[in-house]
Amino acid sequence: MPTPPLPLSGVHHVALITADYSRAKRFYLDVLGAEVLNESYRVERDSY
């Protein structure tokens, strides 16, 4: 059974600092129902 969406009207931005980026991203997208509008990759840090 899918989890119902959170009753939020919006979130301006989220910055994630995590040791496991792909797992954290899946959580925000799949569990919380968030949507990625923009994602930045930083070459100098080899990270998003």
N, C-alpha and C. Protein backbone atom coordinates (compact mmCIF):
# COMPACT_ATOMS: atom_id res chain seq x y z
N MET A 1 0.85 -1.18 0.00
CA MET A 1 0.00 0.00 0.00
C MET A 1 0.89 1.24 0.00
N PRO A 2 0.71 2.16 -0.95
CA PRO A 2 1.54 3.37 -1.02
C PRO A 2 1.28 4.29 0.17
N THR A 3 2.34 4.99 0.55
CA THR A 3 2.24 5.97 1.61
C THR A 3 1.59 7.24 1.06
N PRO A 4 0.59 7.82 1.76
CA PRO A 4 -0.02 9.06 1.27
C PRO A 4 0.97 10.21 1.32
N PRO A 5 0.84 11.19 0.43
CA PRO A 5 1.77 12.32 0.42
C PRO A 5 1.64 13.16 1.69
N LEU A 6 2.72 13.83 2.06
CA LEU A 6 2.71 14.74 3.20
C LEU A 6 1.87 15.97 2.89
N PRO A 7 1.19 16.51 3.89
CA PRO A 7 0.36 17.70 3.66
C PRO A 7 1.18 18.99 3.66
N LEU A 8 2.14 19.10 2.75
CA LEU A 8 2.97 20.31 2.63
C LEU A 8 2.52 21.11 1.42
N SER A 9 2.58 22.42 1.54
CA SER A 9 2.26 23.26 0.39
C SER A 9 3.49 23.51 -0.46
N GLY A 10 4.70 23.31 0.11
CA GLY A 10 5.91 23.48 -0.66
C GLY A 10 7.14 23.55 0.22
N VAL A 11 8.29 23.35 -0.40
CA VAL A 11 9.59 23.46 0.25
C VAL A 11 10.48 24.23 -0.72
N HIS A 12 11.15 25.25 -0.25
CA HIS A 12 11.97 26.07 -1.13
C HIS A 12 13.18 25.31 -1.63
N HIS A 13 13.96 24.71 -0.74
CA HIS A 13 15.12 23.92 -1.16
C HIS A 13 15.54 22.99 -0.03
N VAL A 14 16.27 21.98 -0.41
CA VAL A 14 16.83 21.03 0.55
C VAL A 14 18.28 20.80 0.18
N ALA A 15 19.16 20.87 1.16
CA ALA A 15 20.57 20.54 0.95
C ALA A 15 20.87 19.29 1.76
N LEU A 16 21.41 18.28 1.10
CA LEU A 16 21.71 17.02 1.77
C LEU A 16 23.21 16.85 1.94
N ILE A 17 23.62 16.52 3.15
CA ILE A 17 25.00 16.14 3.41
C ILE A 17 24.92 14.74 3.98
N THR A 18 25.37 13.77 3.21
CA THR A 18 25.21 12.38 3.59
C THR A 18 26.34 11.53 3.06
N ALA A 19 26.60 10.43 3.72
CA ALA A 19 27.62 9.50 3.26
C ALA A 19 27.09 8.61 2.14
N ASP A 20 25.76 8.51 2.01
CA ASP A 20 25.15 7.66 0.99
C ASP A 20 24.10 8.48 0.24
N TYR A 21 24.57 9.24 -0.75
CA TYR A 21 23.70 10.17 -1.47
C TYR A 21 22.53 9.46 -2.15
N SER A 22 22.79 8.36 -2.84
CA SER A 22 21.71 7.69 -3.57
C SER A 22 20.64 7.16 -2.64
N ARG A 23 21.03 6.66 -1.47
CA ARG A 23 20.04 6.17 -0.49
C ARG A 23 19.21 7.33 0.07
N ALA A 24 19.87 8.44 0.41
CA ALA A 24 19.16 9.60 0.93
C ALA A 24 18.20 10.16 -0.12
N LYS A 25 18.65 10.21 -1.36
CA LYS A 25 17.80 10.72 -2.44
C LYS A 25 16.57 9.85 -2.63
N ARG A 26 16.77 8.52 -2.62
CA ARG A 26 15.63 7.60 -2.73
C ARG A 26 14.63 7.84 -1.61
N PHE A 27 15.11 8.08 -0.38
CA PHE A 27 14.22 8.35 0.75
C PHE A 27 13.35 9.58 0.47
N TYR A 28 13.98 10.67 0.07
CA TYR A 28 13.23 11.90 -0.19
C TYR A 28 12.23 11.71 -1.33
N LEU A 29 12.61 11.00 -2.37
CA LEU A 29 11.73 10.82 -3.52
C LEU A 29 10.66 9.76 -3.28
N ASP A 30 11.07 8.59 -2.81
CA ASP A 30 10.15 7.46 -2.70
C ASP A 30 9.31 7.47 -1.42
N VAL A 31 9.91 7.85 -0.31
CA VAL A 31 9.19 7.83 0.97
C VAL A 31 8.43 9.13 1.20
N LEU A 32 9.11 10.26 1.00
CA LEU A 32 8.47 11.55 1.26
C LEU A 32 7.70 12.09 0.07
N GLY A 33 7.92 11.52 -1.11
CA GLY A 33 7.19 11.97 -2.30
C GLY A 33 7.68 13.28 -2.87
N ALA A 34 8.95 13.63 -2.59
CA ALA A 34 9.51 14.87 -3.11
C ALA A 34 9.79 14.73 -4.61
N GLU A 35 10.07 15.84 -5.24
CA GLU A 35 10.37 15.90 -6.67
C GLU A 35 11.63 16.73 -6.87
N VAL A 36 12.56 16.25 -7.68
CA VAL A 36 13.78 17.00 -7.98
C VAL A 36 13.48 17.97 -9.12
N LEU A 37 13.65 19.25 -8.85
CA LEU A 37 13.46 20.27 -9.89
C LEU A 37 14.79 20.71 -10.47
N ASN A 38 15.84 20.65 -9.65
CA ASN A 38 17.18 21.05 -10.09
C ASN A 38 18.19 20.32 -9.22
N GLU A 39 19.26 19.89 -9.83
CA GLU A 39 20.30 19.19 -9.09
C GLU A 39 21.64 19.64 -9.64
N SER A 40 22.55 20.01 -8.75
CA SER A 40 23.85 20.54 -9.17
C SER A 40 24.96 19.58 -8.79
N TYR A 41 25.85 19.30 -9.75
CA TYR A 41 27.03 18.48 -9.50
C TYR A 41 28.23 19.39 -9.39
N ARG A 42 29.02 19.20 -8.32
CA ARG A 42 30.22 20.02 -8.11
C ARG A 42 31.45 19.19 -8.44
N VAL A 43 32.08 19.49 -9.55
CA VAL A 43 33.25 18.74 -10.02
C VAL A 43 34.37 18.77 -9.00
N GLU A 44 34.63 19.94 -8.43
CA GLU A 44 35.75 20.08 -7.49
C GLU A 44 35.60 19.20 -6.26
N ARG A 45 34.37 18.84 -5.91
CA ARG A 45 34.13 17.96 -4.76
C ARG A 45 33.65 16.57 -5.18
N ASP A 46 33.46 16.38 -6.48
CA ASP A 46 32.94 15.11 -7.00
C ASP A 46 31.67 14.71 -6.26
N SER A 47 30.75 15.66 -6.15
CA SER A 47 29.51 15.40 -5.41
C SER A 47 28.38 16.25 -5.96
N TYR A 48 27.17 15.87 -5.61
CA TYR A 48 25.96 16.62 -5.98
C TYR A 48 25.59 17.53 -4.85
